[in-house]
Protein backbone atom coordinates (compact mmCIF):
# COMPACT_ATOMS: atom_id res chain seq x y z
CA MET A 1 0.00 0.00 0.00
CA ALA A 2 2.89 2.35 0.81
CA GLY A 3 4.46 1.58 -2.58
CA GLN A 4 1.23 2.46 -4.35
CA GLY A 5 1.04 5.74 -2.43
CA LYS A 6 4.60 6.64 -3.43
CA LYS A 7 3.93 5.90 -7.09
CA ALA A 8 0.75 7.97 -6.95
CA ALA A 9 2.65 10.86 -5.35
CA LEU A 10 5.31 10.72 -8.06
CA ARG A 11 2.65 10.71 -10.77
CA LEU A 12 0.98 13.71 -9.16
CA CYS A 13 4.28 15.62 -9.04
CA ALA A 14 4.95 14.83 -12.70
CA TRP A 15 1.50 16.03 -13.73
CA LEU A 16 1.87 19.18 -11.62
CA LEU A 17 5.16 20.01 -13.34
CA ALA A 18 3.57 19.44 -16.74
CA LEU A 19 0.63 21.65 -15.75
CA ALA A 20 2.96 24.42 -14.56
CA ALA A 21 4.84 24.34 -17.87
CA CYS A 22 1.55 24.36 -19.79
CA LEU A 23 0.22 27.32 -17.80
CA GLY A 24 3.45 29.19 -18.50
CA GLY A 25 2.97 28.56 -22.21
CA CYS A 26 -0.62 29.77 -21.96
CA ALA A 27 0.45 33.00 -20.28
CA TRP A 28 3.15 33.58 -22.90
CA LEU A 29 0.84 32.91 -25.84
CA THR A 30 -2.03 35.10 -24.64
CA GLY A 31 0.37 37.92 -23.86
CA ARG A 32 1.95 37.76 -27.29
CA ALA A 33 -1.43 37.54 -29.02
CA SER A 34 -2.66 40.63 -27.18
CA ALA A 35 0.45 42.54 -28.20
CA ALA A 36 0.37 41.38 -31.82
CA VAL A 37 -3.31 41.90 -32.68
CA PRO A 38 -4.67 45.42 -32.04
CA GLU A 39 -8.18 46.21 -30.90
CA GLY A 40 -10.36 47.74 -33.55
CA VAL A 41 -11.92 46.75 -36.85
CA GLN A 42 -10.42 46.23 -40.28
CA MET A 43 -11.72 46.51 -43.82
CA ARG A 44 -9.71 45.12 -46.70
CA ALA A 45 -10.21 44.63 -50.42
CA ALA A 46 -7.65 43.91 -53.13
CA ALA A 47 -9.35 46.34 -55.56
CA GLY A 48 -9.72 49.08 -52.94
CA VAL A 49 -12.19 50.01 -50.23
CA GLY A 50 -13.64 52.99 -52.08
CA GLU A 51 -11.48 55.81 -50.69
CA THR A 52 -8.01 57.03 -51.61
CA LEU A 53 -5.09 57.17 -49.21
CA ALA A 54 -5.22 60.98 -49.26
CA SER A 55 -8.93 60.92 -48.39
CA VAL A 56 -8.35 58.55 -45.47
CA GLU A 57 -5.53 60.78 -44.21
CA GLN A 58 -7.68 63.91 -44.46
CA HIS A 59 -11.07 62.72 -43.21
CA LEU A 60 -10.17 59.86 -40.86
CA PRO A 61 -6.74 60.74 -39.40
CA GLY A 62 -7.07 58.37 -36.45
CA ALA A 63 -7.43 55.34 -38.75
CA GLY A 64 -4.81 53.52 -40.75
CA GLY A 65 -5.10 53.21 -44.51
CA ALA A 66 -2.63 51.26 -46.66
CA VAL A 67 -1.90 50.19 -50.23
CA TRP A 68 0.25 47.06 -50.67
CA GLN A 69 2.65 47.00 -53.63
CA GLN A 70 5.39 44.54 -54.56
CA SER A 71 8.82 46.04 -55.04
CA ALA A 72 12.50 45.28 -54.56
CA LEU A 73 15.46 46.95 -52.92
CA GLU A 74 18.43 48.13 -54.92
CA HIS A 75 20.28 44.84 -54.43
CA GLY A 76 17.26 42.81 -55.56
CA THR A 77 15.64 41.76 -52.27
CA PRO A 78 11.87 41.48 -52.85
CA VAL A 79 9.78 43.49 -50.35
CA TRP A 80 6.24 44.64 -49.72
CA ALA A 81 6.17 48.41 -50.19
CA VAL A 82 3.16 49.51 -48.14
CA ALA A 83 2.09 53.09 -48.70
CA ALA A 84 0.35 54.00 -45.44
CA THR A 85 -1.24 56.93 -43.65
CA ALA A 86 0.21 58.59 -40.58
CA GLY A 87 -2.20 56.74 -38.28
CA TYR A 88 -1.51 53.27 -39.62
CA GLY A 89 1.34 52.43 -37.25
CA GLN A 90 -0.69 52.98 -34.09
CA ALA A 91 -3.91 51.52 -35.52
CA ALA A 92 -2.19 48.32 -36.67
CA GLY A 93 -0.05 47.96 -33.55
CA VAL A 94 3.34 48.35 -35.26
CA ARG A 95 5.88 48.57 -32.42
CA LEU A 96 8.79 50.93 -33.07
CA THR A 97 12.23 50.33 -31.59
CA GLN A 98 14.00 53.34 -33.13
CA GLY A 99 12.95 56.66 -34.59
CA GLY A 100 9.29 57.46 -35.22
CA TRP A 101 6.43 57.20 -37.69
CA PHE A 102 6.02 59.79 -40.42
CA GLY A 103 3.37 62.48 -39.95
CA PRO A 104 0.32 63.54 -42.00
CA ASP A 105 2.28 66.29 -43.72
CA ALA A 106 4.63 63.69 -45.20
CA VAL A 107 1.66 61.85 -46.71
CA GLY A 108 0.00 65.00 -48.00
CA GLU A 109 3.18 66.40 -49.53
CA ALA A 110 4.35 63.02 -50.94
CA ALA A 111 7.57 63.17 -48.91
CA ARG A 112 9.47 59.87 -49.08
CA TRP A 113 9.92 58.43 -45.61
CA ALA A 114 10.10 54.75 -44.67
CA VAL A 115 9.52 52.67 -41.54
CA VAL A 116 11.43 49.41 -41.91
CA PRO A 117 11.85 46.15 -39.94
CA ASP A 118 14.86 45.66 -37.70
CA THR A 119 15.91 42.65 -39.82
CA LEU A 120 16.62 44.66 -42.96
CA GLY A 121 20.36 44.79 -42.32
CA ALA A 122 22.30 47.90 -43.28
CA GLY A 123 19.08 49.71 -44.20
CA SER A 124 17.45 49.27 -40.79
CA ALA A 125 18.61 52.47 -39.11
CA PRO A 126 17.11 55.97 -39.02
CA GLY A 127 18.70 58.15 -41.66
CA ALA A 128 19.53 55.29 -44.03
CA LEU A 129 18.65 55.80 -47.69
CA LEU A 130 16.73 53.06 -49.54
CA ARG A 131 15.99 52.75 -53.21
CA LEU A 132 12.65 51.21 -54.19
CA GLY A 133 12.03 51.15 -57.91
CA GLU A 134 13.06 54.54 -59.21
CA ARG A 135 12.49 56.37 -55.92
CA TYR A 136 14.64 56.91 -52.84
CA TYR A 137 13.23 56.84 -49.31
CA THR A 138 14.81 57.95 -46.04
CA VAL A 139 14.33 55.67 -43.05
CA CYS A 140 12.59 57.53 -40.23
CA GLY A 141 11.70 54.59 -37.98
CA VAL A 142 12.49 50.95 -37.28
CA TYR A 143 9.90 48.47 -36.03
CA ARG A 144 10.27 45.15 -34.29
CA SER A 145 9.75 42.33 -36.75
CA ALA A 146 8.10 38.98 -36.01
CA SER A 147 10.15 37.16 -33.38
CA ASP A 148 8.25 33.89 -32.85
CA VAL A 149 6.87 31.16 -35.08
CA PHE A 150 3.26 32.36 -34.74
CA ALA A 151 4.10 35.91 -35.75
CA ARG A 152 6.31 34.81 -38.65
CA ALA A 153 3.42 32.73 -39.98
CA ALA A 154 1.55 35.99 -40.62
CA THR A 155 3.79 37.00 -43.52
CA ASP A 156 4.98 35.41 -46.74
CA GLY A 157 8.63 35.94 -45.89
CA ARG A 158 9.08 39.30 -47.63
CA PRO A 159 10.11 42.27 -45.48
CA VAL A 160 7.32 44.82 -45.09
CA LEU A 161 8.31 48.49 -45.50
CA TYR A 162 5.79 51.22 -44.60
CA LEU A 163 6.13 54.30 -46.81
CA SER A 164 4.69 57.81 -46.70
CA ALA A 165 4.38 57.80 -50.51
CA PRO A 166 3.62 54.91 -52.87
CA VAL A 167 6.32 53.37 -55.03
CA GLU A 168 3.91 53.50 -57.98
CA GLY A 169 1.12 56.04 -58.29
CA GLU A 170 0.05 58.84 -55.96
CA ALA A 171 -1.82 58.98 -52.64
CA GLU A 172 -4.48 61.19 -54.27
CA THR A 173 -5.43 58.52 -56.82
CA LEU A 174 -4.66 55.15 -55.23
CA GLN A 175 -7.51 53.53 -53.32
CA ALA A 176 -6.63 52.12 -49.91
CA GLN A 177 -6.72 48.31 -49.91
CA GLN A 178 -6.71 48.10 -46.13
CA LEU A 179 -8.32 50.30 -43.51
CA VAL A 180 -7.85 49.79 -39.76
CA ALA A 181 -10.14 51.87 -37.55
CA VAL A 182 -9.78 52.09 -33.78
CA ALA A 183 -12.35 52.75 -31.08
CA SER A 184 -12.76 56.38 -30.05
CA ARG A 185 -13.70 55.35 -26.51
CA PRO A 186 -13.06 52.27 -24.32
CA GLY A 187 -15.47 49.40 -24.89
CA GLN A 188 -16.88 50.77 -28.15
CA ARG A 189 -18.43 48.03 -30.29
CA ALA A 190 -17.05 47.18 -33.71
CA ALA A 191 -20.32 48.10 -35.43
CA SER A 192 -20.14 51.59 -33.91
CA VAL A 193 -16.50 51.99 -34.99
CA ALA A 194 -17.42 50.98 -38.54
CA ALA A 195 -20.42 53.33 -38.55
CA GLN A 196 -18.27 56.30 -37.51
CA ALA A 197 -15.75 55.50 -40.24
CA GLY A 198 -18.60 55.28 -42.75
CA LYS A 199 -19.85 58.75 -41.77
CA ALA A 200 -16.40 60.26 -42.27
CA LEU A 201 -15.80 58.34 -45.51
CA PRO A 202 -19.16 57.70 -47.25
CA GLY A 203 -17.50 55.89 -50.15
CA LEU A 204 -16.25 52.97 -48.03
CA HIS A 205 -17.44 49.55 -49.09
CA GLY A 206 -16.48 46.03 -48.07
CA THR A 207 -16.73 43.72 -45.08
CA TRP A 208 -15.46 44.78 -41.69
CA ARG A 209 -13.54 42.30 -39.53
CA ASP A 210 -13.60 42.67 -35.76
CA LEU A 211 -9.95 42.47 -34.70
CA ALA A 212 -10.90 42.61 -31.01
CA SER A 213 -12.73 39.28 -31.36
CA LEU A 214 -9.75 37.78 -33.18
CA ARG A 215 -7.49 39.09 -30.42
CA ALA A 216 -9.66 37.44 -27.75
CA LEU A 217 -9.95 34.08 -29.52
CA PRO A 218 -6.72 32.47 -28.18
CA GLY A 219 -7.78 33.22 -24.60
CA THR A 220 -11.22 31.76 -25.26
CA LEU A 221 -9.74 28.54 -26.61
CA LEU A 222 -7.42 28.22 -23.61
CA ARG A 223 -10.31 28.75 -21.20
CA LEU A 224 -12.23 26.08 -23.10
CA GLY A 225 -9.33 23.66 -22.63
CA ALA A 226 -9.14 24.49 -18.93
CA ALA A 227 -12.90 24.00 -18.62
CA LEU A 228 -12.62 20.55 -20.21
CA GLY A 229 -9.99 19.60 -17.63
CA LEU A 230 -11.95 21.09 -14.73
CA ALA A 231 -15.04 19.21 -15.89
CA LEU A 232 -13.58 16.01 -14.40
CA PRO A 233 -14.08 16.98 -10.72
CA VAL A 234 -17.47 18.44 -11.68
CA PHE A 235 -18.38 15.05 -13.11
CA TRP A 236 -17.23 13.41 -9.88
CA LEU A 237 -19.53 15.70 -7.88
CA LEU A 238 -22.53 14.85 -10.08
CA ALA A 239 -21.67 11.14 -10.04
CA ALA A 240 -21.42 11.18 -6.21
CA SER A 241 -24.81 12.90 -6.05
CA TRP A 242 -26.32 10.25 -8.31
CA ARG A 243 -24.92 7.43 -6.18
CA ARG A 244 -26.47 8.94 -3.09
CA MET A 245 -29.83 9.30 -4.82
CA VAL A 246 -29.67 5.64 -5.82
CA ARG A 247 -28.89 4.69 -2.20
CA LEU A 248 -31.73 6.92 -1.09
CA TYR A 249 -34.09 5.02 -3.38
CA ASP A 250 -32.78 1.66 -2.19
CA GLY A 251 -33.08 2.77 1.44
CA ALA A 252 -36.69 3.80 0.91
CA LEU A 253 -37.45 0.35 -0.46
CA ALA A 254 -35.65 -1.27 2.51
CA GLY A 255 -37.53 0.87 5.06
CA LEU A 256 -34.53 2.69 6.55
CA PRO A 257 -35.18 5.27 9.33
CA ALA A 258 -36.27 8.76 8.27
CA ARG A 259 -33.18 10.37 9.89
CA HIS A 260 -30.88 8.30 7.71
CA MET A 261 -32.97 9.04 4.63
CA ALA A 262 -32.89 12.79 5.34
CA ALA A 263 -29.08 12.78 5.65
CA GLN A 264 -28.74 10.90 2.36
CA GLY A 265 -31.15 13.30 0.62
CA ALA A 266 -29.40 16.40 1.96
CA SER A 267 -25.94 15.21 0.89
CA ALA A 268 -27.26 14.27 -2.57
CA ALA A 269 -28.87 17.71 -2.97
CA VAL A 270 -25.72 19.56 -1.84
CA LEU A 271 -23.50 17.60 -4.24
CA ALA A 272 -25.93 18.06 -7.13
CA ALA A 273 -26.18 21.82 -6.49
CA ALA A 274 -22.38 22.13 -6.26
CA GLY A 275 -21.88 20.20 -9.50
CA ALA A 276 -24.54 22.13 -11.41
CA GLY A 277 -23.26 25.46 -10.09
CA ALA A 278 -19.66 24.60 -11.02
CA ALA A 279 -20.75 23.53 -14.52
CA GLY A 280 -22.64 26.81 -15.00
CA CYS A 281 -19.64 28.83 -13.83
CA LEU A 282 -17.36 27.01 -16.29
CA VAL A 283 -19.72 27.72 -19.19
CA ARG A 284 -19.95 31.43 -18.29
CA TRP A 285 -16.18 31.63 -17.73
CA ILE A 286 -15.35 30.48 -21.27
CA GLY A 287 -17.09 33.56 -22.72
CA PRO A 288 -16.53 33.07 -26.49
CA PRO A 289 -16.64 36.19 -28.72
CA ALA A 290 -20.14 36.62 -30.12
CA ALA A 291 -18.73 37.18 -33.61
CA TYR A 292 -17.85 33.48 -33.88
CA LEU A 293 -21.04 32.01 -32.41
CA PRO A 294 -23.91 30.62 -34.53
CA ALA A 295 -27.22 32.44 -34.36
CA ASP A 296 -29.36 29.56 -33.06
CA ASN A 297 -27.51 26.43 -32.02
CA LEU A 298 -24.28 26.72 -30.01
CA PHE A 299 -23.28 23.21 -31.16
CA ASP A 300 -23.75 23.89 -34.87
CA TRP A 301 -20.40 22.42 -35.91
CA ALA A 302 -21.01 23.24 -39.59
CA HIS A 303 -20.99 26.94 -38.66
CA TYR A 304 -17.49 26.68 -37.16
CA ALA A 305 -16.24 24.64 -40.12
CA ASN A 306 -17.55 27.31 -42.49
CA LEU A 307 -15.70 30.01 -40.54
CA VAL A 308 -12.41 28.12 -40.92
CA ALA A 309 -13.02 27.41 -44.62
CA ALA A 310 -13.92 31.04 -45.32
CA PHE A 311 -10.76 32.25 -43.61
CA PHE A 312 -8.48 30.04 -45.72
CA GLN A 313 -10.35 31.00 -48.88
CA ARG A 314 -9.71 34.67 -48.11
CA ILE A 315 -6.00 33.97 -47.57
CA ASN A 316 -5.63 31.97 -50.79
CA GLY A 317 -7.51 34.56 -52.82
CA ALA A 318 -5.71 37.60 -51.40
CA SER A 319 -3.34 39.62 -53.55
CA PHE A 320 -1.36 40.70 -50.48
CA PRO A 321 -0.79 39.19 -47.02
CA ASP A 322 -3.04 40.35 -44.21
CA PRO A 323 -0.72 40.20 -41.17
CA LEU A 324 -3.41 41.29 -38.71
CA ALA A 325 -5.80 38.47 -39.62
CA ARG A 326 -3.08 35.89 -40.22
CA ILE A 327 -1.27 36.48 -36.96
CA GLY A 328 -4.51 36.23 -35.01
CA ALA A 329 -5.32 32.93 -36.73
CA ALA A 330 -1.79 31.62 -36.10
CA TYR A 331 -2.04 32.36 -32.38
CA ALA A 332 -5.54 30.84 -32.29
CA LEU A 333 -4.22 27.64 -33.88
CA GLY A 334 -1.40 27.49 -31.35
CA ALA A 335 -3.91 28.12 -28.55
CA PHE A 336 -6.09 25.25 -29.83
CA PHE A 337 -3.31 22.67 -29.41
CA LEU A 338 -2.19 24.22 -26.12
CA ALA A 339 -5.79 24.03 -24.89
CA LEU A 340 -5.85 20.29 -25.60
CA LEU A 341 -2.60 19.89 -23.67
CA LEU A 342 -4.01 21.94 -20.80
CA ALA A 343 -7.11 19.74 -20.63
CA VAL A 344 -4.94 16.59 -20.54
CA CYS A 345 -2.67 18.03 -17.82
CA LEU A 346 -5.60 19.05 -15.61
CA HIS A 347 -7.20 15.65 -16.11
CA GLY A 348 -3.92 13.99 -15.13
CA VAL A 349 -3.53 16.15 -12.00
CA PHE A 350 -7.04 15.40 -10.76
CA ALA A 351 -6.79 11.69 -11.57
CA ALA A 352 -3.39 11.40 -9.87
CA GLY A 353 -4.62 13.36 -6.85
CA ARG A 354 -7.62 11.09 -6.49
CA ALA A 355 -5.42 8.00 -6.81
CA LEU A 356 -3.14 9.37 -4.07
CA LEU A 357 -6.08 9.91 -1.73
CA GLN A 358 -7.35 6.41 -2.40
CA ALA A 359 -3.88 4.94 -1.77
CA ARG A 360 -3.58 6.54 1.70
CA PRO A 361 -3.98 4.05 4.55
CA HIS A 362 -7.34 4.28 6.34
CA LYS A 363 -7.47 4.17 10.14
CA GLY A 364 -9.59 1.57 11.88
């Protein structure tokens, strides 16, 4: 019996270590996802969203508009030359490590400034001069490039350079392919953000994507995994309540005293209430974003499959990468597998803990 207790204790320690490592991974992933995906809403269309870059800069300065163009540096390195507005950096969550973002005057006057990734080599320093096509741009800022596998999955491998003037065309004539609008007040809903942008820019057309929901999705998946693991002790509570109700029924048939029957009934009711209450708390705790839920049936699996299929169709049909959507999906995929691991670890901890309690010697 002592040997069984020692083995159970070792198993519990192993599962606890695995759970600690898994929780550390969960904290890291949710933190990175929150930093990588900004709050707000995004509209994108390869042919343009109905408003020029200059119009976005003039009428919606707090938003970020961008046109994606393929280009190459002087030595032949292919890059994405993204002509953007002054508000794009903050709206899209681009984190600068050196220098600063160009201002609205640079966009309006077609001045040639560039914000480049810190992996560009000799050209990744403020003041450096870059040649893109037939135009030269001066580096004014350096941003932190993708540093983990989830973030790198958001791009196609080409460096992304943000420019105050397009490589081809002019800001006054080129339609923005991407528009990122941010909330004007805390807690503002995506529909309200989109409506405000539509009032400022009546020509906008396309489908808005709620980035805040995409940002919250990894945390939702991890809470779902934790809930699956925590469901094991909840099941034990409900199973213990059921066993007591069965004994209560058998006792009634056997004619047991009323005092004994009352104790059995009270314990069964307490366990059932605890189990049902814990199950309800777990369901409320998961809190999935409403944007991903079906209208009628929560367990409409076809709805979720259609969401995944539609996402990959948009990626395959896009003429330029959408880092904001791709990085959110990459973190969500990582969170999905981490959620499964979390559920297994919690299940192992509870099962090992129960085995240890059962292996303890009983007095008398």
